């Protein structure tokens, strides 16, 4: 599949995920509502919640992520290499310059967010700017701008909201399980209660696995298209080598934003279990470097 077809696929998938998201939330709400003994009007609230969540993810997701990360706007005067590299790479990629932000954290990392190329953000840490040379910064910025150009930022924002909403609904169901109004129970609520408990346990896990699998795939594509923009894959390969050796852990990263970064911000130790890779937010850096150096 070509990069252009991947971009079109991401645009279609974004809207498809929004539709699937609403269907899943309604289905979960139907089961949870019947388990509590409520009538089907409970579904109406779920539809409203899912629509609002989808709109918020598209139009305000970038602001929320930046606030969570403690980022500040970058300037040409204070962040000259970052600003000028972003200008050059944006021009080479055929994109308008995105909003640029810096996180005052000495751990090396970066991410992109937003809803489309006209409303995009690229954010890097102070550690990345101070520890990488200009060609390496160029490789990182090209990678992040590839997420923008490929519409990964929209796709991952929608998926993240899907996972968060399902996790919140499941947690709320389990917390209120023993406090439900039993006088409102219907004769058939028993089977819904059993299904509801199973959904509350399984659905957040399945949603998270889908999110992580999509995230890993998008990283490989961004590496390839970033190298296509700069025509210098070694720059990103060297940057990833340095990031992999970075001993510092980001202070304001969270499970909600970890998948956005160019590398895992938690530096988790690898498990030898066969299923461990399913829970990785990113593909192995060594494999990414190997592919870049084979281009």
C-alpha atoms as a PDB file:
ATOM      1  CA  UNK A   1       0.000   0.000   0.000  1.00  0.00           C
ATOM      2  CA  UNK A   2       1.389   3.419  -0.972  1.00  0.00           C
ATOM      3  CA  UNK A   3       1.757   6.295   1.485  1.00  0.00           C
ATOM      4  CA  UNK A   4      -0.999   8.215  -0.348  1.00  0.00           C
ATOM      5  CA  UNK A   5      -3.421   5.318   0.015  1.00  0.00           C
ATOM      6  CA  UNK A   6      -2.425   5.018   3.687  1.00  0.00           C
ATOM      7  CA  UNK A   7      -3.357   8.679   4.196  1.00  0.00           C
ATOM      8  CA  UNK A   8      -6.763   8.163   2.558  1.00  0.00           C
ATOM      9  CA  UNK A   9      -7.255   5.034   4.638  1.00  0.00           C
ATOM     10  CA  UNK A  10      -6.566   7.011   7.833  1.00  0.00           C
ATOM     11  CA  UNK A  11      -9.141   9.656   6.908  1.00  0.00           C
ATOM     12  CA  UNK A  12     -11.778   7.000   6.249  1.00  0.00           C
ATOM     13  CA  UNK A  13     -10.846   5.083   9.396  1.00  0.00           C
ATOM     14  CA  UNK A  14     -11.202   8.206  11.533  1.00  0.00           C
ATOM     15  CA  UNK A  15     -14.856   8.612  10.590  1.00  0.00           C
ATOM     16  CA  UNK A  16     -15.418   4.851  10.731  1.00  0.00           C
ATOM     17  CA  UNK A  17     -14.036   4.712  14.269  1.00  0.00           C
ATOM     18  CA  UNK A  18     -16.321   7.572  15.283  1.00  0.00           C
ATOM     19  CA  UNK A  19     -19.322   5.628  13.971  1.00  0.00           C
ATOM     20  CA  UNK A  20     -18.172   2.380  15.586  1.00  0.00           C
ATOM     21  CA  UNK A  21     -17.450   4.298  18.790  1.00  0.00           C
ATOM     22  CA  UNK A  22     -21.063   5.515  19.004  1.00  0.00           C
ATOM     23  CA  UNK A  23     -22.390   2.006  18.292  1.00  0.00           C
ATOM     24  CA  UNK A  24     -20.153   0.445  20.976  1.00  0.00           C
ATOM     25  CA  UNK A  25     -21.087   3.046  23.590  1.00  0.00           C
ATOM     26  CA  UNK A  26     -24.798   2.565  22.840  1.00  0.00           C
ATOM     27  CA  UNK A  27     -24.439  -1.232  23.076  1.00  0.00           C
ATOM     28  CA  UNK A  28     -22.535  -1.016  26.358  1.00  0.00           C
ATOM     29  CA  UNK A  29     -25.089   1.503  27.694  1.00  0.00           C
ATOM     30  CA  UNK A  30     -27.955  -0.828  26.727  1.00  0.00           C
ATOM     31  CA  UNK A  31     -26.427  -3.723  28.667  1.00  0.00           C
ATOM     32  CA  UNK A  32     -25.413  -1.597  31.668  1.00  0.00           C
ATOM     33  CA  UNK A  33     -28.809   0.133  31.756  1.00  0.00           C
ATOM     34  CA  UNK A  34     -30.700  -3.160  31.733  1.00  0.00           C
ATOM     35  CA  UNK A  35     -28.351  -4.563  34.375  1.00  0.00           C
ATOM     36  CA  UNK A  36     -29.311  -1.644  36.631  1.00  0.00           C
ATOM     37  CA  UNK A  37     -33.002  -2.080  35.824  1.00  0.00           C
ATOM     38  CA  UNK A  38     -33.431   1.212  33.947  1.00  0.00           C
ATOM     39  CA  UNK A  39     -35.541   1.589  30.826  1.00  0.00           C
ATOM     40  CA  UNK A  40     -34.071   2.146  27.361  1.00  0.00           C
ATOM     41  CA  UNK A  41     -34.030   5.940  27.805  1.00  0.00           C
ATOM     42  CA  UNK A  42     -30.631   5.304  29.377  1.00  0.00           C
ATOM     43  CA  UNK A  43     -29.344   4.782  25.803  1.00  0.00           C
ATOM     44  CA  UNK A  44     -30.207   8.397  24.922  1.00  0.00           C
ATOM     45  CA  UNK A  45     -27.752   9.659  27.493  1.00  0.00           C
ATOM     46  CA  UNK A  46     -25.089   7.338  26.082  1.00  0.00           C
ATOM     47  CA  UNK A  47     -25.626   8.675  22.543  1.00  0.00           C
ATOM     48  CA  UNK A  48     -25.315  12.256  23.771  1.00  0.00           C
ATOM     49  CA  UNK A  49     -22.151  11.361  25.700  1.00  0.00           C
ATOM     50  CA  UNK A  50     -20.556   9.587  22.720  1.00  0.00           C
ATOM     51  CA  UNK A  51     -21.329  12.425  20.281  1.00  0.00           C
ATOM     52  CA  UNK A  52     -19.984  15.052  22.680  1.00  0.00           C
ATOM     53  CA  UNK A  53     -16.855  12.951  23.325  1.00  0.00           C
ATOM     54  CA  UNK A  54     -16.219  12.588  19.582  1.00  0.00           C
ATOM     55  CA  UNK A  55     -16.575  16.345  18.999  1.00  0.00           C
ATOM     56  CA  UNK A  56     -14.344  17.164  21.963  1.00  0.00           C
ATOM     57  CA  UNK A  57     -11.678  14.735  20.751  1.00  0.00           C
ATOM     58  CA  UNK A  58     -11.575  16.366  17.310  1.00  0.00           C
ATOM     59  CA  UNK A  59     -11.743  20.036  18.266  1.00  0.00           C
ATOM     60  CA  UNK A  60     -10.211  20.257  21.736  1.00  0.00           C
ATOM     61  CA  UNK A  61      -8.030  17.158  22.021  1.00  0.00           C
ATOM     62  CA  UNK A  62      -4.827  19.034  21.200  1.00  0.00           C
ATOM     63  CA  UNK A  63      -5.451  21.683  23.866  1.00  0.00           C
ATOM     64  CA  UNK A  64      -6.176  19.005  26.462  1.00  0.00           C
ATOM     65  CA  UNK A  65      -2.989  17.066  25.641  1.00  0.00           C
ATOM     66  CA  UNK A  66      -0.837  20.220  25.717  1.00  0.00           C
ATOM     67  CA  UNK A  67      -2.300  21.228  29.082  1.00  0.00           C
ATOM     68  CA  UNK A  68      -1.675  17.738  30.488  1.00  0.00           C
ATOM     69  CA  UNK A  69       1.928  17.880  29.241  1.00  0.00           C
ATOM     70  CA  UNK A  70       2.672  21.363  30.591  1.00  0.00           C
ATOM     71  CA  UNK A  71       3.824  22.567  27.161  1.00  0.00           C
ATOM     72  CA  UNK A  72       4.516  26.197  26.207  1.00  0.00           C
ATOM     73  CA  UNK A  73       4.554  27.806  22.741  1.00  0.00           C
ATOM     74  CA  UNK A  74       7.940  27.729  20.993  1.00  0.00           C
ATOM     75  CA  UNK A  75       9.501  30.912  19.605  1.00  0.00           C
ATOM     76  CA  UNK A  76      12.133  31.534  16.952  1.00  0.00           C
ATOM     77  CA  UNK A  77      14.271  33.434  19.488  1.00  0.00           C
ATOM     78  CA  UNK A  78      14.256  30.824  22.270  1.00  0.00           C
ATOM     79  CA  UNK A  79      14.008  27.654  20.160  1.00  0.00           C
ATOM     80  CA  UNK A  80      15.820  28.601  16.955  1.00  0.00           C
ATOM     81  CA  UNK A  81      16.823  25.128  15.735  1.00  0.00           C
ATOM     82  CA  UNK A  82      13.391  23.642  16.398  1.00  0.00           C
ATOM     83  CA  UNK A  83      11.540  26.552  14.810  1.00  0.00           C
ATOM     84  CA  UNK A  84      13.682  26.802  11.675  1.00  0.00           C
ATOM     85  CA  UNK A  85      13.890  23.045  11.180  1.00  0.00           C
ATOM     86  CA  UNK A  86      10.093  22.833  11.447  1.00  0.00           C
ATOM     87  CA  UNK A  87       9.763  25.607   8.842  1.00  0.00           C
ATOM     88  CA  UNK A  88      12.080  23.800   6.418  1.00  0.00           C
ATOM     89  CA  UNK A  89      10.543  20.347   6.907  1.00  0.00           C
ATOM     90  CA  UNK A  90       7.001  21.725   6.625  1.00  0.00           C
ATOM     91  CA  UNK A  91       7.910  23.302   3.305  1.00  0.00           C
ATOM     92  CA  UNK A  92       9.476  20.049   2.073  1.00  0.00           C
ATOM     93  CA  UNK A  93       6.375  18.099   3.138  1.00  0.00           C
ATOM     94  CA  UNK A  94       4.009  20.559   1.478  1.00  0.00           C
ATOM     95  CA  UNK A  95       2.379  21.457   4.787  1.00  0.00           C
ATOM     96  CA  UNK A  96       1.740  24.743   6.526  1.00  0.00           C
ATOM     97  CA  UNK A  97       3.828  25.301   9.655  1.00  0.00           C
ATOM     98  CA  UNK A  98       2.027  23.687  12.609  1.00  0.00           C
ATOM     99  CA  UNK A  99       1.850  25.247  16.042  1.00  0.00           C
ATOM    100  CA  UNK A 100       5.105  24.498  17.832  1.00  0.00           C
ATOM    101  CA  UNK A 101       5.390  23.750  21.555  1.00  0.00           C
ATOM    102  CA  UNK A 102       8.142  22.831  23.992  1.00  0.00           C
ATOM    103  CA  UNK A 103       7.910  20.828  27.222  1.00  0.00           C
ATOM    104  CA  UNK A 104      10.527  21.901  29.770  1.00  0.00           C
ATOM    105  CA  UNK A 105      11.594  18.344  30.553  1.00  0.00           C
ATOM    106  CA  UNK A 106      15.132  17.010  30.071  1.00  0.00           C
ATOM    107  CA  UNK A 107      13.933  13.560  28.960  1.00  0.00           C
ATOM    108  CA  UNK A 108      14.059  13.260  25.157  1.00  0.00           C
ATOM    109  CA  UNK A 109      10.717  12.863  23.394  1.00  0.00           C
ATOM    110  CA  UNK A 110       8.253  14.454  20.961  1.00  0.00           C
ATOM    111  CA  UNK A 111       4.684  14.123  19.739  1.00  0.00           C
ATOM    112  CA  UNK A 112       2.177  15.550  17.259  1.00  0.00           C
ATOM    113  CA  UNK A 113      -1.525  16.149  17.805  1.00  0.00           C
ATOM    114  CA  UNK A 114      -4.471  18.020  16.278  1.00  0.00           C
ATOM    115  CA  UNK A 115      -7.354  17.167  13.950  1.00  0.00           C
ATOM    116  CA  UNK A 116      -5.840  17.817  10.500  1.00  0.00           C
ATOM    117  CA  UNK A 117      -2.813  19.457   8.802  1.00  0.00           C
ATOM    118  CA  UNK A 118      -4.393  22.917   9.139  1.00  0.00           C
ATOM    119  CA  UNK A 119      -4.926  22.514  12.880  1.00  0.00           C
ATOM    120  CA  UNK A 120      -1.838  20.575  13.945  1.00  0.00           C
ATOM    121  CA  UNK A 121       0.661  20.791  16.789  1.00  0.00           C
ATOM    122  CA  UNK A 122       4.211  19.454  17.049  1.00  0.00           C
ATOM    123  CA  UNK A 123       5.694  19.371  20.529  1.00  0.00           C
ATOM    124  CA  UNK A 124       9.202  18.413  21.669  1.00  0.00           C
ATOM    125  CA  UNK A 125      10.973  18.310  25.021  1.00  0.00           C
ATOM    126  CA  UNK A 126      13.821  20.577  26.097  1.00  0.00           C
ATOM    127  CA  UNK A 127      15.977  17.481  26.507  1.00  0.00           C
ATOM    128  CA  UNK A 128      15.492  16.515  22.872  1.00  0.00           C
ATOM    129  CA  UNK A 129      16.477  19.992  21.640  1.00  0.00           C
ATOM    130  CA  UNK A 130      19.560  20.127  23.848  1.00  0.00           C
ATOM    131  CA  UNK A 131      20.859  16.577  23.243  1.00  0.00           C
ATOM    132  CA  UNK A 132      20.268  16.094  19.501  1.00  0.00           C
ATOM    133  CA  UNK A 133      22.087  17.817  16.657  1.00  0.00           C
ATOM    134  CA  UNK A 134      20.218  19.663  13.913  1.00  0.00           C
ATOM    135  CA  UNK A 135      20.020  16.720  11.472  1.00  0.00           C
ATOM    136  CA  UNK A 136      18.660  14.486  14.238  1.00  0.00           C
ATOM    137  CA  UNK A 137      16.066  17.108  15.226  1.00  0.00           C
ATOM    138  CA  UNK A 138      15.137  17.273  11.549  1.00  0.00           C
ATOM    139  CA  UNK A 139      14.518  13.510  11.524  1.00  0.00           C
ATOM    140  CA  UNK A 140      12.271  13.729  14.605  1.00  0.00           C
ATOM    141  CA  UNK A 141      10.303  16.709  13.261  1.00  0.00           C
ATOM    142  CA  UNK A 142       9.835  14.957   9.894  1.00  0.00           C
ATOM    143  CA  UNK A 143       8.513  11.899  11.734  1.00  0.00           C
ATOM    144  CA  UNK A 144       6.002  14.023  13.662  1.00  0.00           C
ATOM    145  CA  UNK A 145       4.947  15.978  10.579  1.00  0.00           C
ATOM    146  CA  UNK A 146       4.364  12.642   8.862  1.00  0.00           C
ATOM    147  CA  UNK A 147       1.815  11.845  11.560  1.00  0.00           C
ATOM    148  CA  UNK A 148       0.171  15.140  10.629  1.00  0.00           C
ATOM    149  CA  UNK A 149       0.299  14.549   6.870  1.00  0.00           C
ATOM    150  CA  UNK A 150      -0.905  10.944   7.194  1.00  0.00           C
ATOM    151  CA  UNK A 151      -3.843  11.999   9.434  1.00  0.00           C
ATOM    152  CA  UNK A 152      -2.552   9.748  12.220  1.00  0.00           C
ATOM    153  CA  UNK A 153      -3.249  12.573  14.668  1.00  0.00           C
ATOM    154  CA  UNK A 154      -6.989  12.494  13.955  1.00  0.00           C
ATOM    155  CA  UNK A 155      -7.193   8.710  13.964  1.00  0.00           C
ATOM    156  CA  UNK A 156      -5.358   8.332  17.282  1.00  0.00           C
ATOM    157  CA  UNK A 157      -7.358  11.138  18.935  1.00  0.00           C
ATOM    158  CA  UNK A 158     -10.627   9.380  18.108  1.00  0.00           C
ATOM    159  CA  UNK A 159      -9.297   5.990  19.227  1.00  0.00           C
ATOM    160  CA  UNK A 160      -8.005   7.483  22.490  1.00  0.00           C
ATOM    161  CA  UNK A 161     -11.430   8.945  23.304  1.00  0.00           C
ATOM    162  CA  UNK A 162     -13.060   5.606  22.470  1.00  0.00           C
ATOM    163  CA  UNK A 163     -10.780   3.783  24.893  1.00  0.00           C
ATOM    164  CA  UNK A 164     -11.168   6.413  27.612  1.00  0.00           C
ATOM    165  CA  UNK A 165     -14.958   6.535  27.416  1.00  0.00           C
ATOM    166  CA  UNK A 166     -15.345   2.757  27.503  1.00  0.00           C
ATOM    167  CA  UNK A 167     -12.917   2.522  30.435  1.00  0.00           C
ATOM    168  CA  UNK A 168     -14.794   5.261  32.316  1.00  0.00           C
ATOM    169  CA  UNK A 169     -18.200   3.649  31.684  1.00  0.00           C
ATOM    170  CA  UNK A 170     -16.925   0.242  32.782  1.00  0.00           C
ATOM    171  CA  UNK A 171     -15.344   1.648  35.925  1.00  0.00           C
ATOM    172  CA  UNK A 172     -18.535   3.559  36.779  1.00  0.00           C
ATOM    173  CA  UNK A 173     -20.622   0.416  36.278  1.00  0.00           C
ATOM    174  CA  UNK A 174     -18.432  -1.671  38.578  1.00  0.00           C
ATOM    175  CA  UNK A 175     -18.286   1.018  41.275  1.00  0.00           C
ATOM    176  CA  UNK A 176     -22.075   1.432  41.338  1.00  0.00           C
ATOM    177  CA  UNK A 177     -22.860  -2.257  40.953  1.00  0.00           C
ATOM    178  CA  UNK A 178     -23.664  -2.849  44.596  1.00  0.00           C
ATOM    179  CA  UNK A 179     -25.463   0.464  45.040  1.00  0.00           C
ATOM    180  CA  UNK A 180     -28.021   0.046  42.288  1.00  0.00           C
ATOM    181  CA  UNK A 181     -31.723   0.398  43.116  1.00  0.00           C
ATOM    182  CA  UNK A 182     -32.872  -3.210  43.335  1.00  0.00           C
ATOM    183  CA  UNK A 183     -36.519  -2.124  43.443  1.00  0.00           C
ATOM    184  CA  UNK A 184     -36.126  -1.096  39.798  1.00  0.00           C
ATOM    185  CA  UNK A 185     -34.777  -4.490  38.721  1.00  0.00           C
ATOM    186  CA  UNK A 186     -36.748  -6.332  36.092  1.00  0.00           C
ATOM    187  CA  UNK A 187     -37.162 -10.074  35.888  1.00  0.00           C
ATOM    188  CA  UNK A 188     -34.700 -10.311  33.012  1.00  0.00           C
ATOM    189  CA  UNK A 189     -32.019  -8.081  34.549  1.00  0.00           C
ATOM    190  CA  UNK A 190     -30.047 -11.072  35.856  1.00  0.00           C
ATOM    191  CA  UNK A 191     -28.655 -12.075  32.465  1.00  0.00           C
ATOM    192  CA  UNK A 192     -27.871  -8.434  31.656  1.00  0.00           C
ATOM    193  CA  UNK A 193     -26.043  -8.159  34.968  1.00  0.00           C
ATOM    194  CA  UNK A 194     -23.821 -11.102  34.090  1.00  0.00           C
ATOM    195  CA  UNK A 195     -23.164  -9.754  30.576  1.00  0.00           C
ATOM    196  CA  UNK A 196     -22.549  -6.271  32.019  1.00  0.00           C
ATOM    197  CA  UNK A 197     -19.897  -7.524  34.436  1.00  0.00           C
ATOM    198  CA  UNK A 198     -18.193  -9.449  31.618  1.00  0.00           C
ATOM    199  CA  UNK A 199     -18.253  -6.355  29.368  1.00  0.00           C
ATOM    200  CA  UNK A 200     -16.943  -4.128  32.158  1.00  0.00           C
ATOM    201  CA  UNK A 201     -13.940  -6.442  32.547  1.00  0.00           C
ATOM    202  CA  UNK A 202     -13.229  -7.318  28.918  1.00  0.00           C
ATOM    203  CA  UNK A 203     -14.201  -4.258  26.829  1.00  0.00           C
ATOM    204  CA  UNK A 204     -11.558  -1.805  28.210  1.00  0.00           C
ATOM    205  CA  UNK A 205      -8.840  -4.424  27.633  1.00  0.00           C
ATOM    206  CA  UNK A 206      -9.929  -5.135  24.064  1.00  0.00           C
ATOM    207  CA  UNK A 207     -10.246  -1.413  23.291  1.00  0.00           C
ATOM    208  CA  UNK A 208      -6.761  -0.762  24.678  1.00  0.00           C
ATOM    209  CA  UNK A 209      -5.226  -3.600  22.647  1.00  0.00           C
ATOM    210  CA  UNK A 210      -6.791  -2.176  19.475  1.00  0.00           C
ATOM    211  CA  UNK A 211      -5.422   1.279  20.335  1.00  0.00           C
ATOM    212  CA  UNK A 212      -1.898  -0.053  20.933  1.00  0.00           C
ATOM    213  CA  UNK A 213      -1.875  -2.151  17.758  1.00  0.00           C
ATOM    214  CA  UNK A 214      -2.931   0.862  15.656  1.00  0.00           C
ATOM    215  CA  UNK A 215      -0.345   3.057  17.393  1.00  0.00           C
ATOM    216  CA  UNK A 216       2.525   0.655  16.636  1.00  0.00           C
ATOM    217  CA  UNK A 217       1.553   0.411  12.967  1.00  0.00           C
ATOM    218  CA  UNK A 218       1.383   4.203  12.601  1.00  0.00           C
ATOM    219  CA  UNK A 219       4.919   4.588  14.021  1.00  0.00           C
ATOM    220  CA  UNK A 220       6.409   2.428  11.255  1.00  0.00           C
ATOM    221  CA  UNK A 221       4.561   4.441   8.610  1.00  0.00           C
ATOM    222  CA  UNK A 222       5.680   7.769  10.116  1.00  0.00           C
ATOM    223  CA  UNK A 223       9.308   6.588  10.159  1.00  0.00           C
ATOM    224  CA  UNK A 224       9.126   5.694   6.462  1.00  0.00           C
ATOM    225  CA  UNK A 225       7.313   8.828   5.312  1.00  0.00           C
ATOM    226  CA  UNK A 226       9.541  11.021   7.509  1.00  0.00           C
ATOM    227  CA  UNK A 227      12.614   9.570   5.833  1.00  0.00           C
ATOM    228  CA  UNK A 228      10.948  10.225   2.465  1.00  0.00           C
ATOM    229  CA  UNK A 229      10.572  13.915   3.361  1.00  0.00           C
ATOM    230  CA  UNK A 230      14.176  14.463   4.503  1.00  0.00           C
ATOM    231  CA  UNK A 231      15.799  11.941   2.130  1.00  0.00           C
ATOM    232  CA  UNK A 232      18.074  11.201   5.110  1.00  0.00           C
ATOM    233  CA  UNK A 233      16.831   8.242   7.226  1.00  0.00           C
ATOM    234  CA  UNK A 234      20.099   8.207   9.198  1.00  0.00           C
ATOM    235  CA  UNK A 235      19.074  11.413  10.986  1.00  0.00           C
ATOM    236  CA  UNK A 236      16.016   9.772  12.551  1.00  0.00           C
ATOM    237  CA  UNK A 237      17.921   6.522  13.146  1.00  0.00           C
ATOM    238  CA  UNK A 238      20.587   8.371  15.167  1.00  0.00           C
ATOM    239  CA  UNK A 239      17.913  10.279  17.075  1.00  0.00           C
ATOM    240  CA  UNK A 240      16.132   7.058  18.007  1.00  0.00           C
ATOM    241  CA  UNK A 241      19.424   5.532  19.170  1.00  0.00           C
ATOM    242  CA  UNK A 242      19.986   8.439  21.546  1.00  0.00           C
ATOM    243  CA  UNK A 243      16.367   8.397  22.741  1.00  0.00           C
ATOM    244  CA  UNK A 244      16.622   4.646  23.435  1.00  0.00           C
ATOM    245  CA  UNK A 245      19.675   5.239  25.648  1.00  0.00           C
ATOM    246  CA  UNK A 246      18.025   8.138  27.495  1.00  0.00           C
ATOM    247  CA  UNK A 247      17.911   7.235  31.238  1.00  0.00           C
ATOM    248  CA  UNK A 248      15.414   9.958  32.194  1.00  0.00           C
ATOM    249  CA  UNK A 249      11.666   9.376  32.442  1.00  0.00           C
ATOM    250  CA  UNK A 250       9.208  12.098  31.467  1.00  0.00           C
ATOM    251  CA  UNK A 251       7.571  13.733  34.473  1.00  0.00           C
ATOM    252  CA  UNK A 252       4.173  14.612  32.992  1.00  0.00           C
ATOM    253  CA  UNK A 253       3.517  11.697  30.665  1.00  0.00           C
ATOM    254  CA  UNK A 254       0.440   9.567  31.359  1.00  0.00           C
ATOM    255  CA  UNK A 255      -1.171   6.397  30.051  1.00  0.00           C
ATOM    256  CA  UNK A 256      -3.631   8.601  28.170  1.00  0.00           C
ATOM    257  CA  UNK A 257      -0.888  10.352  26.168  1.00  0.00           C
ATOM    258  CA  UNK A 258       1.907   7.738  26.017  1.00  0.00           C
ATOM    259  CA  UNK A 259       0.906   6.464  22.566  1.00  0.00           C
ATOM    260  CA  UNK A 260       1.341   9.955  21.058  1.00  0.00           C
ATOM    261  CA  UNK A 261       5.083  10.189  21.706  1.00  0.00           C
ATOM    262  CA  UNK A 262       7.815   9.123  19.296  1.00  0.00           C
ATOM    263  CA  UNK A 263       9.095   6.676  21.950  1.00  0.00           C
ATOM    264  CA  UNK A 264       7.645   5.163  25.105  1.00  0.00           C
ATOM    265  CA  UNK A 265       7.927   7.935  27.742  1.00  0.00           C
ATOM    266  CA  UNK A 266       7.921   5.466  30.655  1.00  0.00           C
ATOM    267  CA  UNK A 267      10.983   3.392  29.713  1.00  0.00           C
ATOM    268  CA  UNK A 268       9.243   0.254  30.961  1.00  0.00           C
ATOM    269  CA  UNK A 269      11.314  -2.877  31.389  1.00  0.00           C
ATOM    270  CA  UNK A 270      10.564  -5.514  28.801  1.00  0.00           C
ATOM    271  CA  UNK A 271       8.793  -8.681  29.860  1.00  0.00           C
ATOM    272  CA  UNK A 272       9.807 -12.038  28.399  1.00  0.00           C
ATOM    273  CA  UNK A 273       6.202 -13.235  28.310  1.00  0.00           C
ATOM    274  CA  UNK A 274       4.955 -14.137  24.828  1.00  0.00           C
ATOM    275  CA  UNK A 275       2.046 -11.699  25.099  1.00  0.00           C
ATOM    276  CA  UNK A 276       4.106  -8.739  26.376  1.00  0.00           C
ATOM    277  CA  UNK A 277       4.346  -7.117  22.952  1.00  0.00           C
ATOM    278  CA  UNK A 278       0.565  -6.752  22.815  1.00  0.00           C
ATOM    279  CA  UNK A 279       0.745  -4.088  25.528  1.00  0.00           C
ATOM    280  CA  UNK A 280       3.581  -2.018  24.033  1.00  0.00           C
ATOM    281  CA  UNK A 281       2.655   1.505  22.968  1.00  0.00           C
ATOM    282  CA  UNK A 282       5.452   1.521  20.384  1.00  0.00           C
ATOM    283  CA  UNK A 283       7.260  -0.982  18.153  1.00  0.00           C
ATOM    284  CA  UNK A 284      10.818  -1.939  19.248  1.00  0.00           C
ATOM    285  CA  UNK A 285      13.226   0.944  18.620  1.00  0.00           C
ATOM    286  CA  UNK A 286      15.943  -1.490  17.489  1.00  0.00           C
ATOM    287  CA  UNK A 287      13.617  -2.770  14.759  1.00  0.00           C
ATOM    288  CA  UNK A 288      12.721   0.778  13.685  1.00  0.00           C
ATOM    289  CA  UNK A 289      16.411   1.709  13.432  1.00  0.00           C
ATOM    290  CA  UNK A 290      17.158  -1.436  11.437  1.00  0.00           C
ATOM    291  CA  UNK A 291      14.408  -0.632   8.921  1.00  0.00           C
ATOM    292  CA  UNK A 292      15.538   3.005   8.593  1.00  0.00           C
ATOM    293  CA  UNK A 293      19.136   1.961   7.897  1.00  0.00           C
ATOM    294  CA  UNK A 294      18.006  -0.505   5.268  1.00  0.00           C
ATOM    295  CA  UNK A 295      16.333   2.250   3.209  1.00  0.00           C
END
